[in-house]
């Protein structure tokens, strides 16, 4: 299942996403962790030294390799150069999975041991000197979106993405790629303002949004969040001596995390499991296609000099259990073919 952590800058979303990743690893679940924030801090939050975190390979720097691998033998994609961040998979495409090895993971992922349990960590990559003044960060996040669109995940497998702050997530269709989105909010007016904006933007896309109240100091803070957020409030988290030690680079064994915070992390896992159980693979694929067609018309066709609508395989539905890549080469089986439903998705608003 795919899980996103979002929130305003400084809300603690990277800290909470790292705690959730540690919780999943402690439960021996397969995990791929992705740092998709412009401020790359997830590696450090998972215990990497500064030089180790800085040495993580950048997904954005390996985009040609990613495209070439995922394209596979898909006859609808003439070349890797014709792929854009929203290009959907079809018959002949190669798919990624949480477990197993492939050239994308070999080039872009590094294994981090958390109390002896392995987690795959990938990072979008920071701005480089060559990017300053000429590049948009979303061009780098496009590598994450392309990977998520080609990733078949199953139950008890987790992809955890630490997203860019605020409502920047809505600059692409990536916000629809998750079974549940955890919005980290402080008990302040500014803290809940991002929640309201996110809720408004996501309301027509079936996004499962749950709020995690952070930096909660007492009953008044909880009451404030309940009044402002209502039933979307899942759990609250307060001060943690364990987290403070972690932020100093001296974390204790994860089993020593406070019991109340362990219970909160379990509530997040339960919510994610429940959301995945209700995933509609047809709608999931339709949303992917809808955003691809929108991007193709807006800028993709002009950039590539091709009609990118032709990349859409109308008989293909991404779903659990698909075999990749060669199972698609001769055509989909009856269970893989559906009649596309009318598109009813409104275009994603641009972030403020």
Protein backbone atom coordinates (compact mmCIF):
# COMPACT_ATOMS: atom_id res chain seq x y z
CA UNK A 1 0.00 0.00 0.00
CA UNK A 2 1.11 3.55 -0.67
CA UNK A 3 1.12 6.14 2.12
CA UNK A 4 1.90 9.86 2.04
CA UNK A 5 2.83 12.23 4.84
CA UNK A 6 2.02 15.88 4.17
CA UNK A 7 1.74 19.07 6.21
CA UNK A 8 3.06 22.57 6.48
CA UNK A 9 6.77 23.17 6.90
CA UNK A 10 7.88 22.53 10.47
CA UNK A 11 4.81 20.48 11.39
CA UNK A 12 6.90 17.39 12.04
CA UNK A 13 5.82 15.32 9.04
CA UNK A 14 9.34 14.03 8.35
CA UNK A 15 9.79 13.01 11.97
CA UNK A 16 6.43 11.22 12.01
CA UNK A 17 7.01 9.55 8.65
CA UNK A 18 10.38 8.28 9.94
CA UNK A 19 8.74 6.96 13.11
CA UNK A 20 6.10 5.19 11.02
CA UNK A 21 8.79 3.64 8.83
CA UNK A 22 10.62 2.44 11.96
CA UNK A 23 7.34 1.02 13.29
CA UNK A 24 6.72 -0.94 10.07
CA UNK A 25 10.30 -2.22 10.02
CA UNK A 26 9.99 -3.32 13.64
CA UNK A 27 6.96 -5.35 12.53
CA UNK A 28 9.16 -6.91 9.80
CA UNK A 29 7.04 -5.46 7.00
CA UNK A 30 8.65 -4.81 3.58
CA UNK A 31 9.08 -1.03 3.24
CA UNK A 32 10.19 1.35 0.50
CA UNK A 33 10.71 4.84 1.92
CA UNK A 34 10.82 7.84 -0.43
CA UNK A 35 12.00 11.34 0.44
CA UNK A 36 10.04 13.53 -2.00
CA UNK A 37 10.46 16.77 -0.06
CA UNK A 38 12.50 19.66 -1.42
CA UNK A 39 14.25 19.68 1.97
CA UNK A 40 15.87 16.26 2.11
CA UNK A 41 15.74 15.22 5.78
CA UNK A 42 14.23 11.73 5.80
CA UNK A 43 17.61 9.99 5.58
CA UNK A 44 18.88 11.83 8.64
CA UNK A 45 15.62 11.10 10.50
CA UNK A 46 16.23 7.41 9.78
CA UNK A 47 19.65 7.63 11.37
CA UNK A 48 21.99 8.33 8.46
CA UNK A 49 24.95 10.60 9.08
CA UNK A 50 24.93 13.86 7.14
CA UNK A 51 27.49 12.62 4.61
CA UNK A 52 25.57 9.36 4.16
CA UNK A 53 22.30 11.22 3.58
CA UNK A 54 23.99 13.58 1.11
CA UNK A 55 25.41 10.59 -0.79
CA UNK A 56 21.98 9.06 -1.48
CA UNK A 57 21.50 8.73 -5.25
CA UNK A 58 18.97 11.20 -6.66
CA UNK A 59 15.97 9.74 -8.46
CA UNK A 60 15.82 12.83 -10.65
CA UNK A 61 19.39 12.22 -11.83
CA UNK A 62 18.49 8.70 -12.99
CA UNK A 63 15.34 9.60 -14.90
CA UNK A 64 16.62 8.27 -18.29
CA UNK A 65 17.40 4.89 -16.71
CA UNK A 66 14.02 4.81 -14.95
CA UNK A 67 12.14 5.59 -18.15
CA UNK A 68 14.08 3.08 -20.23
CA UNK A 69 13.48 0.29 -17.72
CA UNK A 70 9.79 0.99 -17.14
CA UNK A 71 9.04 1.33 -20.87
CA UNK A 72 10.01 -2.29 -21.42
CA UNK A 73 8.51 -3.53 -24.68
CA UNK A 74 5.35 -1.40 -24.49
CA UNK A 75 4.55 -0.81 -28.19
CA UNK A 76 2.65 2.39 -27.40
CA UNK A 77 5.81 4.17 -26.19
CA UNK A 78 8.18 4.87 -29.07
CA UNK A 79 11.17 5.69 -26.89
CA UNK A 80 12.15 6.60 -23.35
CA UNK A 81 12.43 10.22 -24.52
CA UNK A 82 8.69 10.16 -25.28
CA UNK A 83 7.82 9.35 -21.67
CA UNK A 84 6.75 12.07 -19.27
CA UNK A 85 6.13 11.90 -15.52
CA UNK A 86 2.51 10.80 -16.00
CA UNK A 87 3.05 8.15 -18.71
CA UNK A 88 0.92 5.19 -17.54
CA UNK A 89 1.93 1.55 -17.80
CA UNK A 90 0.40 -0.75 -20.37
CA UNK A 91 0.96 -4.18 -21.85
CA UNK A 92 4.68 -4.62 -22.29
CA UNK A 93 5.64 -2.18 -19.54
CA UNK A 94 7.86 -3.26 -16.71
CA UNK A 95 6.43 -2.86 -13.23
CA UNK A 96 8.09 -2.25 -9.89
CA UNK A 97 7.31 -4.08 -6.69
CA UNK A 98 8.11 -3.38 -3.08
CA UNK A 99 10.21 -6.54 -2.80
CA UNK A 100 12.70 -7.97 -5.27
CA UNK A 101 15.51 -6.37 -7.23
CA UNK A 102 15.53 -4.37 -10.44
CA UNK A 103 17.79 -1.80 -12.12
CA UNK A 104 15.80 1.12 -10.67
CA UNK A 105 16.37 -0.02 -7.10
CA UNK A 106 19.99 -0.90 -7.87
CA UNK A 107 20.67 2.64 -9.13
CA UNK A 108 18.38 4.70 -6.90
CA UNK A 109 17.77 2.87 -3.62
CA UNK A 110 19.97 2.23 -0.63
CA UNK A 111 19.27 -0.18 2.22
CA UNK A 112 19.03 1.33 5.70
CA UNK A 113 19.06 -0.95 8.72
CA UNK A 114 16.67 0.10 11.48
CA UNK A 115 17.40 -1.95 14.59
CA UNK A 116 18.62 -4.65 12.22
CA UNK A 117 15.58 -4.57 9.91
CA UNK A 118 16.20 -3.49 6.27
CA UNK A 119 14.31 -0.62 4.61
CA UNK A 120 14.81 0.57 1.05
CA UNK A 121 15.33 4.33 0.96
CA UNK A 122 15.08 6.50 -2.15
CA UNK A 123 15.38 10.28 -2.45
CA UNK A 124 14.20 12.68 -5.11
CA UNK A 125 17.36 14.70 -4.71
CA UNK A 126 17.95 18.35 -3.84
CA UNK A 127 18.42 21.30 -6.15
CA UNK A 128 21.83 21.41 -7.76
CA UNK A 129 23.73 24.56 -8.67
CA UNK A 130 22.73 24.03 -12.30
CA UNK A 131 19.03 23.99 -11.28
CA UNK A 132 18.99 27.31 -9.47
CA UNK A 133 16.86 29.88 -11.24
CA UNK A 134 15.97 27.61 -14.16
CA UNK A 135 14.37 24.41 -12.86
CA UNK A 136 11.13 23.57 -11.07
CA UNK A 137 11.34 21.09 -8.22
CA UNK A 138 8.36 19.22 -9.61
CA UNK A 139 10.52 18.18 -12.56
CA UNK A 140 12.52 16.14 -10.04
CA UNK A 141 9.48 14.77 -8.20
CA UNK A 142 8.29 13.52 -11.61
CA UNK A 143 10.63 10.55 -11.19
CA UNK A 144 8.72 9.57 -8.03
CA UNK A 145 5.38 9.90 -9.80
CA UNK A 146 6.55 7.73 -12.69
CA UNK A 147 7.74 5.04 -10.29
CA UNK A 148 4.49 5.12 -8.28
CA UNK A 149 2.46 4.78 -11.49
CA UNK A 150 4.39 1.62 -12.34
CA UNK A 151 4.46 0.11 -8.86
CA UNK A 152 2.21 -2.81 -8.01
CA UNK A 153 1.92 -3.13 -4.26
CA UNK A 154 0.09 -5.66 -2.19
CA UNK A 155 -1.23 -6.06 1.35
CA UNK A 156 1.40 -6.02 4.08
CA UNK A 157 3.79 -4.15 1.75
CA UNK A 158 4.35 -0.45 2.34
CA UNK A 159 5.57 2.50 0.30
CA UNK A 160 5.92 5.56 2.56
CA UNK A 161 6.49 8.94 0.88
CA UNK A 162 7.52 12.07 2.76
CA UNK A 163 5.95 14.69 0.50
CA UNK A 164 6.87 18.31 -0.12
CA UNK A 165 5.37 20.78 2.35
CA UNK A 166 2.01 22.52 2.05
CA UNK A 167 -0.23 22.11 -0.98
CA UNK A 168 2.59 21.75 -3.51
CA UNK A 169 1.56 18.11 -3.88
CA UNK A 170 -1.30 19.27 -6.10
CA UNK A 171 1.04 20.48 -8.84
CA UNK A 172 0.80 16.91 -10.20
CA UNK A 173 -1.55 13.95 -9.98
CA UNK A 174 0.72 12.23 -7.47
CA UNK A 175 -1.64 13.08 -4.61
CA UNK A 176 -4.06 10.44 -5.97
CA UNK A 177 -1.44 7.65 -5.84
CA UNK A 178 -1.88 6.92 -2.14
CA UNK A 179 -4.24 4.66 -0.23
CA UNK A 180 -4.14 7.08 2.67
CA UNK A 181 -2.63 10.51 3.20
CA UNK A 182 -1.62 11.45 6.73
CA UNK A 183 -1.70 15.20 7.19
CA UNK A 184 0.41 16.28 10.14
CA UNK A 185 -1.10 19.32 11.83
CA UNK A 186 -0.09 21.32 14.86
CA UNK A 187 -2.90 22.59 17.16
CA UNK A 188 -2.73 26.12 15.75
CA UNK A 189 -4.68 28.13 13.19
CA UNK A 190 -1.80 27.88 10.74
CA UNK A 191 -1.53 24.19 11.45
CA UNK A 192 -5.10 23.45 10.40
CA UNK A 193 -5.14 25.89 7.46
CA UNK A 194 -3.12 23.45 5.34
CA UNK A 195 -5.62 20.74 6.27
CA UNK A 196 -8.54 22.83 5.02
CA UNK A 197 -6.76 23.61 1.75
CA UNK A 198 -5.76 19.99 1.22
CA UNK A 199 -9.28 18.80 2.02
CA UNK A 200 -10.78 21.24 -0.51
CA UNK A 201 -8.39 20.35 -3.30
CA UNK A 202 -8.74 16.59 -2.75
CA UNK A 203 -12.50 16.44 -2.20
CA UNK A 204 -13.45 15.17 -5.69
CA UNK A 205 -10.70 12.58 -6.04
CA UNK A 206 -11.54 10.03 -3.38
CA UNK A 207 -8.43 10.79 -1.33
CA UNK A 208 -8.47 9.13 2.09
CA UNK A 209 -7.24 11.93 4.35
CA UNK A 210 -6.45 11.43 8.03
CA UNK A 211 -5.05 14.07 10.37
CA UNK A 212 -2.28 13.35 12.85
CA UNK A 213 -2.18 16.01 15.52
CA UNK A 214 1.43 16.74 16.45
CA UNK A 215 3.12 18.71 19.23
CA UNK A 216 0.01 18.31 21.37
CA UNK A 217 0.56 19.45 24.94
CA UNK A 218 -2.75 18.78 26.66
CA UNK A 219 -6.54 18.37 26.49
CA UNK A 220 -7.07 21.91 25.16
CA UNK A 221 -4.92 21.16 22.13
CA UNK A 222 -6.85 17.96 21.47
CA UNK A 223 -10.16 19.78 21.81
CA UNK A 224 -8.97 22.47 19.38
CA UNK A 225 -8.05 19.88 16.76
CA UNK A 226 -11.32 18.01 17.25
CA UNK A 227 -13.27 21.23 16.73
CA UNK A 228 -11.29 22.23 13.63
CA UNK A 229 -10.77 18.85 11.98
CA UNK A 230 -13.67 16.73 13.19
CA UNK A 231 -13.78 13.05 12.29
CA UNK A 232 -10.66 13.33 10.13
CA UNK A 233 -8.56 13.49 13.31
CA UNK A 234 -7.05 10.02 13.69
CA UNK A 235 -4.53 10.33 16.53
CA UNK A 236 -2.50 12.92 18.41
CA UNK A 237 1.16 12.84 19.40
CA UNK A 238 2.83 14.79 22.17
CA UNK A 239 6.34 15.25 23.48
CA UNK A 240 8.70 12.30 23.11
CA UNK A 241 12.00 11.91 24.93
CA UNK A 242 12.86 9.16 22.42
CA UNK A 243 12.36 11.55 19.49
CA UNK A 244 14.42 14.24 21.20
CA UNK A 245 17.29 11.75 21.59
CA UNK A 246 16.89 10.72 17.95
CA UNK A 247 17.13 14.34 16.82
CA UNK A 248 20.41 14.58 18.73
CA UNK A 249 21.67 11.56 16.81
CA UNK A 250 21.47 9.32 19.85
CA UNK A 251 18.35 7.19 19.39
CA UNK A 252 17.66 4.35 21.78
CA UNK A 253 16.28 1.02 20.58
CA UNK A 254 12.92 1.64 18.92
CA UNK A 255 11.20 -0.72 21.34
CA UNK A 256 11.81 1.95 24.01
CA UNK A 257 9.60 4.50 22.22
CA UNK A 258 6.84 5.61 24.58
CA UNK A 259 3.84 3.27 24.64
CA UNK A 260 1.37 6.03 23.78
CA UNK A 261 3.34 6.85 20.64
CA UNK A 262 3.65 3.17 19.70
CA UNK A 263 -0.15 2.92 19.95
CA UNK A 264 -0.49 6.01 17.73
CA UNK A 265 1.77 4.48 15.08
CA UNK A 266 -0.25 1.27 15.17
CA UNK A 267 -3.40 3.33 14.58
CA UNK A 268 -1.75 4.76 11.46
CA UNK A 269 -0.91 1.28 10.20
CA UNK A 270 -4.46 0.08 10.86
CA UNK A 271 -5.86 3.05 8.91
CA UNK A 272 -3.53 2.35 5.99
CA UNK A 273 -4.44 -1.34 5.93
CA UNK A 274 -8.14 -0.50 5.93
CA UNK A 275 -7.78 2.01 3.09
CA UNK A 276 -5.84 -0.44 0.94
CA UNK A 277 -8.55 -3.06 1.42
CA UNK A 278 -10.97 -0.66 -0.30
CA UNK A 279 -8.72 0.31 -3.22
CA UNK A 280 -10.59 0.43 -6.54
CA UNK A 281 -7.93 -0.57 -9.09
CA UNK A 282 -10.07 0.57 -12.03
CA UNK A 283 -10.55 4.04 -10.59
CA UNK A 284 -6.89 4.10 -9.58
CA UNK A 285 -5.89 3.47 -13.20
CA UNK A 286 -8.45 5.93 -14.56
CA UNK A 287 -7.08 8.72 -12.39
CA UNK A 288 -3.60 7.97 -13.66
CA UNK A 289 -4.81 8.16 -17.25
CA UNK A 290 -6.85 11.31 -16.62
CA UNK A 291 -3.85 13.24 -15.31
CA UNK A 292 -1.67 11.93 -18.14
CA UNK A 293 -4.10 13.21 -20.75
CA UNK A 294 -4.27 16.57 -18.97
CA UNK A 295 -0.49 16.90 -18.85
CA UNK A 296 -0.14 15.73 -22.45
CA UNK A 297 -2.49 18.43 -23.69
CA UNK A 298 -1.05 21.11 -21.41
CA UNK A 299 2.65 20.66 -22.21
CA UNK A 300 3.67 17.08 -22.93
CA UNK A 301 2.69 16.92 -26.59
CA UNK A 302 4.55 20.14 -27.36
CA UNK A 303 7.65 19.00 -25.47
CA UNK A 304 7.90 15.56 -27.08
CA UNK A 305 6.44 16.36 -30.49
CA UNK A 306 4.09 13.40 -30.19
CA UNK A 307 0.46 12.76 -29.32
CA UNK A 308 0.93 11.29 -25.87
CA UNK A 309 -2.71 10.22 -25.66
CA UNK A 310 -1.61 7.28 -27.81
CA UNK A 311 0.43 6.00 -24.86
CA UNK A 312 -2.78 5.04 -23.05
CA UNK A 313 -3.61 1.34 -23.29
CA UNK A 314 -7.44 1.34 -23.04
CA UNK A 315 -7.57 -2.35 -22.08
CA UNK A 316 -5.07 -2.18 -19.24
CA UNK A 317 -5.80 -1.97 -15.52
CA UNK A 318 -2.97 -1.85 -13.02
CA UNK A 319 -3.80 -4.28 -10.27
CA UNK A 320 -2.33 -6.61 -7.69
CA UNK A 321 -1.10 -9.91 -9.10
CA UNK A 322 0.03 -8.68 -12.52
CA UNK A 323 3.19 -10.33 -13.76
CA UNK A 324 5.80 -8.08 -15.32
CA UNK A 325 7.07 -7.50 -17.87
CA UNK A 326 6.50 -10.22 -20.45
CA UNK A 327 3.00 -11.28 -19.42
CA UNK A 328 1.64 -8.25 -21.27
CA UNK A 329 3.56 -8.70 -24.51
CA UNK A 330 1.03 -10.95 -26.17
CA UNK A 331 -2.01 -9.06 -24.94
CA UNK A 332 -3.96 -8.97 -21.72
CA UNK A 333 -6.03 -11.82 -20.48
CA UNK A 334 -9.76 -11.38 -20.06
CA UNK A 335 -9.35 -10.46 -16.43
CA UNK A 336 -7.03 -7.58 -17.39
CA UNK A 337 -9.37 -5.91 -19.90
CA UNK A 338 -12.08 -3.48 -18.91
CA UNK A 339 -14.27 -1.03 -20.75
CA UNK A 340 -13.11 2.42 -19.70
CA UNK A 341 -15.68 4.29 -17.64
CA UNK A 342 -16.54 7.88 -18.47
CA UNK A 343 -14.06 10.28 -16.91
CA UNK A 344 -15.64 12.42 -14.20
CA UNK A 345 -12.54 13.92 -12.68
CA UNK A 346 -12.20 17.66 -12.55
CA UNK A 347 -8.71 19.08 -13.23
CA UNK A 348 -6.49 19.44 -10.21
CA UNK A 349 -6.26 23.02 -8.96
CA UNK A 350 -2.86 24.64 -8.96
CA UNK A 351 -1.33 25.25 -5.54
CA UNK A 352 -1.64 28.69 -4.05
